[in-house]
Amino acid sequence: MRVEALIKRSPVTISPSATIRQAAEVFAREKIGLLVVASSVSPVKPQAVISERDVVRAVAKGTPLTGQLDTVATKKLISVKRSDRPSKAVRLMMDNGIRHLVVENDDGTLFGVLSIRDFFREAKLLNSFLKDEAEEVHGVD
């Protein structure tokens, strides 16, 4: 199994010039927890991400809701390729204490967003994860 098999919806992007309020509105409307910040539309090259937690932190610090996203977005992208194994994605999430990953095509363009929730949707994922871990321990690919 590859990461791309876990992606069930198109990623939602937002402009770096959008406001914190606009991001909050998109979170509520789309029922998601992460937006990919990108200025290009086609192909989409991710520049940063903004999470619901980022918005809460900004508001708690007193940042006005009219503030631009590029002032509070996380610019250090943590990503996986769509062809990577889910076990790599899990490790990255655990190592970095995050719940979402940007998923890229081989050319660095945006393929999707992987959420920790995506892992719970797949009954066969646990078996795949265990197989990947066993192969890694025994040096098989």
C-alpha atoms as a PDB file:
ATOM      1  CA  MET A   1       0.000   0.000   0.000  1.00  0.00           C
ATOM      2  CA  ARG A   2       1.166   3.526  -0.777  1.00  0.00           C
ATOM      3  CA  VAL A   3       0.240   6.870   0.771  1.00  0.00           C
ATOM      4  CA  GLU A   4      -1.766   7.874  -2.312  1.00  0.00           C
ATOM      5  CA  ALA A   5      -4.285   5.113  -1.562  1.00  0.00           C
ATOM      6  CA  LEU A   6      -5.205   6.855   1.690  1.00  0.00           C
ATOM      7  CA  ILE A   7      -6.075  10.200   0.103  1.00  0.00           C
ATOM      8  CA  LYS A   8      -9.847  10.390  -0.338  1.00  0.00           C
ATOM      9  CA  ARG A   9     -10.401  14.054  -1.185  1.00  0.00           C
ATOM     10  CA  SER A  10      -8.747  16.890  -3.029  1.00  0.00           C
ATOM     11  CA  PRO A  11      -6.522  19.165  -0.967  1.00  0.00           C
ATOM     12  CA  VAL A  12      -7.840  22.581  -0.019  1.00  0.00           C
ATOM     13  CA  THR A  13      -5.523  25.502  -0.711  1.00  0.00           C
ATOM     14  CA  ILE A  14      -5.534  29.124   0.325  1.00  0.00           C
ATOM     15  CA  SER A  15      -3.567  32.188  -0.746  1.00  0.00           C
ATOM     16  CA  PRO A  16      -0.800  33.518   1.517  1.00  0.00           C
ATOM     17  CA  SER A  17      -2.546  36.900   1.369  1.00  0.00           C
ATOM     18  CA  ALA A  18      -5.777  35.499   2.830  1.00  0.00           C
ATOM     19  CA  THR A  19      -6.676  36.527   6.369  1.00  0.00           C
ATOM     20  CA  ILE A  20      -6.820  34.442   9.506  1.00  0.00           C
ATOM     21  CA  ARG A  21     -10.608  34.893   9.515  1.00  0.00           C
ATOM     22  CA  GLN A  22     -10.844  33.587   5.950  1.00  0.00           C
ATOM     23  CA  ALA A  23      -8.823  30.513   6.925  1.00  0.00           C
ATOM     24  CA  ALA A  24     -11.129  29.891   9.902  1.00  0.00           C
ATOM     25  CA  GLU A  25     -14.144  30.149   7.595  1.00  0.00           C
ATOM     26  CA  VAL A  26     -12.636  27.575   5.223  1.00  0.00           C
ATOM     27  CA  PHE A  27     -11.844  25.205   8.123  1.00  0.00           C
ATOM     28  CA  ALA A  28     -15.466  25.371   9.274  1.00  0.00           C
ATOM     29  CA  ARG A  29     -16.999  25.077   5.808  1.00  0.00           C
ATOM     30  CA  GLU A  30     -14.778  22.223   4.600  1.00  0.00           C
ATOM     31  CA  LYS A  31     -14.588  20.421   7.981  1.00  0.00           C
ATOM     32  CA  ILE A  32     -10.814  20.073   7.755  1.00  0.00           C
ATOM     33  CA  GLY A  33      -7.884  20.847  10.013  1.00  0.00           C
ATOM     34  CA  LEU A  34      -5.163  21.919   7.578  1.00  0.00           C
ATOM     35  CA  LEU A  35      -4.936  24.245   4.600  1.00  0.00           C
ATOM     36  CA  VAL A  36      -2.094  24.280   2.123  1.00  0.00           C
ATOM     37  CA  VAL A  37      -0.830  27.787   1.467  1.00  0.00           C
ATOM     38  CA  ALA A  38      -0.002  28.256  -2.209  1.00  0.00           C
ATOM     39  CA  SER A  39       0.136  31.229  -4.547  1.00  0.00           C
ATOM     40  CA  SER A  40       0.125  29.201  -7.760  1.00  0.00           C
ATOM     41  CA  VAL A  41      -3.013  27.459  -8.950  1.00  0.00           C
ATOM     42  CA  SER A  42      -1.837  25.047 -11.618  1.00  0.00           C
ATOM     43  CA  PRO A  43       0.398  23.342 -10.824  1.00  0.00           C
ATOM     44  CA  VAL A  44       0.033  23.901  -7.089  1.00  0.00           C
ATOM     45  CA  LYS A  45       3.391  24.238  -5.353  1.00  0.00           C
ATOM     46  CA  PRO A  46       2.913  24.216  -1.580  1.00  0.00           C
ATOM     47  CA  GLN A  47       4.630  27.112   0.197  1.00  0.00           C
ATOM     48  CA  ALA A  48       3.404  26.599   3.753  1.00  0.00           C
ATOM     49  CA  VAL A  49       0.554  25.151   5.777  1.00  0.00           C
ATOM     50  CA  ILE A  50      -1.886  26.624   8.239  1.00  0.00           C
ATOM     51  CA  SER A  51      -3.594  24.430  10.803  1.00  0.00           C
ATOM     52  CA  GLU A  52      -6.502  25.045  13.117  1.00  0.00           C
ATOM     53  CA  ARG A  53      -3.951  25.025  15.938  1.00  0.00           C
ATOM     54  CA  ASP A  54      -1.966  27.783  14.197  1.00  0.00           C
ATOM     55  CA  VAL A  55      -5.108  29.917  14.069  1.00  0.00           C
ATOM     56  CA  VAL A  56      -5.869  29.300  17.749  1.00  0.00           C
ATOM     57  CA  ARG A  57      -2.287  30.200  18.720  1.00  0.00           C
ATOM     58  CA  ALA A  58      -2.436  33.399  16.658  1.00  0.00           C
ATOM     59  CA  VAL A  59      -5.727  34.472  18.215  1.00  0.00           C
ATOM     60  CA  ALA A  60      -4.425  33.645  21.708  1.00  0.00           C
ATOM     61  CA  LYS A  61      -1.423  35.924  21.063  1.00  0.00           C
ATOM     62  CA  GLY A  62      -3.744  38.749  20.055  1.00  0.00           C
ATOM     63  CA  THR A  63      -3.103  38.615  16.323  1.00  0.00           C
ATOM     64  CA  PRO A  64      -6.022  40.350  14.622  1.00  0.00           C
ATOM     65  CA  LEU A  65      -8.313  38.167  12.513  1.00  0.00           C
ATOM     66  CA  THR A  66      -7.537  40.514   9.645  1.00  0.00           C
ATOM     67  CA  GLY A  67      -3.862  39.490   9.810  1.00  0.00           C
ATOM     68  CA  GLN A  68      -2.464  37.733   6.760  1.00  0.00           C
ATOM     69  CA  LEU A  69      -1.806  34.016   6.839  1.00  0.00           C
ATOM     70  CA  ASP A  70       1.782  34.332   5.734  1.00  0.00           C
ATOM     71  CA  THR A  71       2.538  35.858   9.151  1.00  0.00           C
ATOM     72  CA  VAL A  72       1.293  32.808  11.089  1.00  0.00           C
ATOM     73  CA  ALA A  73       1.602  29.894   8.635  1.00  0.00           C
ATOM     74  CA  THR A  74       4.131  27.120   9.154  1.00  0.00           C
ATOM     75  CA  LYS A  75       6.682  27.513   6.390  1.00  0.00           C
ATOM     76  CA  LYS A  76       8.707  24.392   7.199  1.00  0.00           C
ATOM     77  CA  LEU A  77       6.807  21.794   5.204  1.00  0.00           C
ATOM     78  CA  ILE A  78       6.894  18.210   6.332  1.00  0.00           C
ATOM     79  CA  SER A  79       5.847  16.065   3.424  1.00  0.00           C
ATOM     80  CA  VAL A  80       5.845  12.631   1.876  1.00  0.00           C
ATOM     81  CA  LYS A  81       5.681  11.507  -1.728  1.00  0.00           C
ATOM     82  CA  ARG A  82       2.478   9.886  -2.892  1.00  0.00           C
ATOM     83  CA  SER A  83       4.424   6.683  -3.592  1.00  0.00           C
ATOM     84  CA  ASP A  84       5.834   6.437  -0.052  1.00  0.00           C
ATOM     85  CA  ARG A  85       4.639   3.759   2.322  1.00  0.00           C
ATOM     86  CA  PRO A  86       2.172   4.723   5.053  1.00  0.00           C
ATOM     87  CA  SER A  87       4.703   3.640   7.680  1.00  0.00           C
ATOM     88  CA  LYS A  88       6.965   6.525   6.621  1.00  0.00           C
ATOM     89  CA  ALA A  89       4.082   8.964   7.015  1.00  0.00           C
ATOM     90  CA  VAL A  90       3.263   7.613  10.480  1.00  0.00           C
ATOM     91  CA  ARG A  91       6.901   7.969  11.549  1.00  0.00           C
ATOM     92  CA  LEU A  92       7.057  11.565  10.311  1.00  0.00           C
ATOM     93  CA  MET A  93       3.856  12.456  12.136  1.00  0.00           C
ATOM     94  CA  MET A  94       5.079  10.872  15.367  1.00  0.00           C
ATOM     95  CA  ASP A  95       8.601  12.307  15.141  1.00  0.00           C
ATOM     96  CA  ASN A  96       7.280  15.823  14.498  1.00  0.00           C
ATOM     97  CA  GLY A  97       4.182  15.759  16.733  1.00  0.00           C
ATOM     98  CA  ILE A  98       1.827  16.608  13.879  1.00  0.00           C
ATOM     99  CA  ARG A  99      -1.509  15.297  12.620  1.00  0.00           C
ATOM    100  CA  HIS A 100      -1.251  16.231   8.921  1.00  0.00           C
ATOM    101  CA  LEU A 101       1.280  15.814   6.138  1.00  0.00           C
ATOM    102  CA  VAL A 102       1.509  17.397   2.723  1.00  0.00           C
ATOM    103  CA  VAL A 103       1.599  14.705   0.037  1.00  0.00           C
ATOM    104  CA  GLU A 104       3.550  15.612  -3.082  1.00  0.00           C
ATOM    105  CA  ASN A 105       3.943  14.252  -6.569  1.00  0.00           C
ATOM    106  CA  ASP A 106       7.487  13.362  -7.618  1.00  0.00           C
ATOM    107  CA  ASP A 107       7.910  16.846  -9.140  1.00  0.00           C
ATOM    108  CA  GLY A 108       7.088  18.588  -5.831  1.00  0.00           C
ATOM    109  CA  THR A 109       3.580  19.648  -6.821  1.00  0.00           C
ATOM    110  CA  LEU A 110       0.690  19.082  -4.451  1.00  0.00           C
ATOM    111  CA  PHE A 111      -1.093  15.736  -4.579  1.00  0.00           C
ATOM    112  CA  GLY A 112      -3.035  15.902  -1.325  1.00  0.00           C
ATOM    113  CA  VAL A 113      -3.060  16.153   2.433  1.00  0.00           C
ATOM    114  CA  LEU A 114      -2.829  13.148   4.699  1.00  0.00           C
ATOM    115  CA  SER A 115      -4.514  13.354   8.083  1.00  0.00           C
ATOM    116  CA  ILE A 116      -4.137  11.008  11.015  1.00  0.00           C
ATOM    117  CA  ARG A 117      -7.853  10.333  10.502  1.00  0.00           C
ATOM    118  CA  ASP A 118      -7.109   8.877   7.068  1.00  0.00           C
ATOM    119  CA  PHE A 119      -5.269   6.028   8.765  1.00  0.00           C
ATOM    120  CA  PHE A 120      -8.312   5.026  10.782  1.00  0.00           C
ATOM    121  CA  ARG A 121     -10.468   4.642   7.669  1.00  0.00           C
ATOM    122  CA  GLU A 122      -8.491   1.735   6.293  1.00  0.00           C
ATOM    123  CA  ALA A 123      -9.104  -1.638   7.927  1.00  0.00           C
ATOM    124  CA  LYS A 124      -6.246  -3.208   5.953  1.00  0.00           C
ATOM    125  CA  LEU A 125      -3.830  -0.427   6.857  1.00  0.00           C
ATOM    126  CA  LEU A 126      -2.727  -1.997  10.110  1.00  0.00           C
ATOM    127  CA  ASN A 127      -1.756  -5.181   8.292  1.00  0.00           C
ATOM    128  CA  SER A 128       0.120  -3.163   5.664  1.00  0.00           C
ATOM    129  CA  PHE A 129       1.900  -1.153   8.345  1.00  0.00           C
ATOM    130  CA  LEU A 130       2.959  -4.295  10.195  1.00  0.00           C
ATOM    131  CA  LYS A 131       4.203  -5.848   6.943  1.00  0.00           C
ATOM    132  CA  ASP A 132       6.223  -2.710   6.114  1.00  0.00           C
ATOM    133  CA  GLU A 133       7.775  -2.704   9.569  1.00  0.00           C
ATOM    134  CA  ALA A 134       8.654  -6.406   9.328  1.00  0.00           C
ATOM    135  CA  GLU A 135      10.242  -5.882   5.911  1.00  0.00           C
ATOM    136  CA  GLU A 136      12.265  -2.982   7.226  1.00  0.00           C
ATOM    137  CA  VAL A 137      13.506  -4.984  10.209  1.00  0.00           C
ATOM    138  CA  HIS A 138      14.491  -7.901   7.986  1.00  0.00           C
ATOM    139  CA  GLY A 139      15.911  -5.739   5.186  1.00  0.00           C
ATOM    140  CA  VAL A 140      13.380  -6.709   2.539  1.00  0.00           C
ATOM    141  CA  ASP A 141      11.809  -4.173   0.188  1.00  0.00           C
END
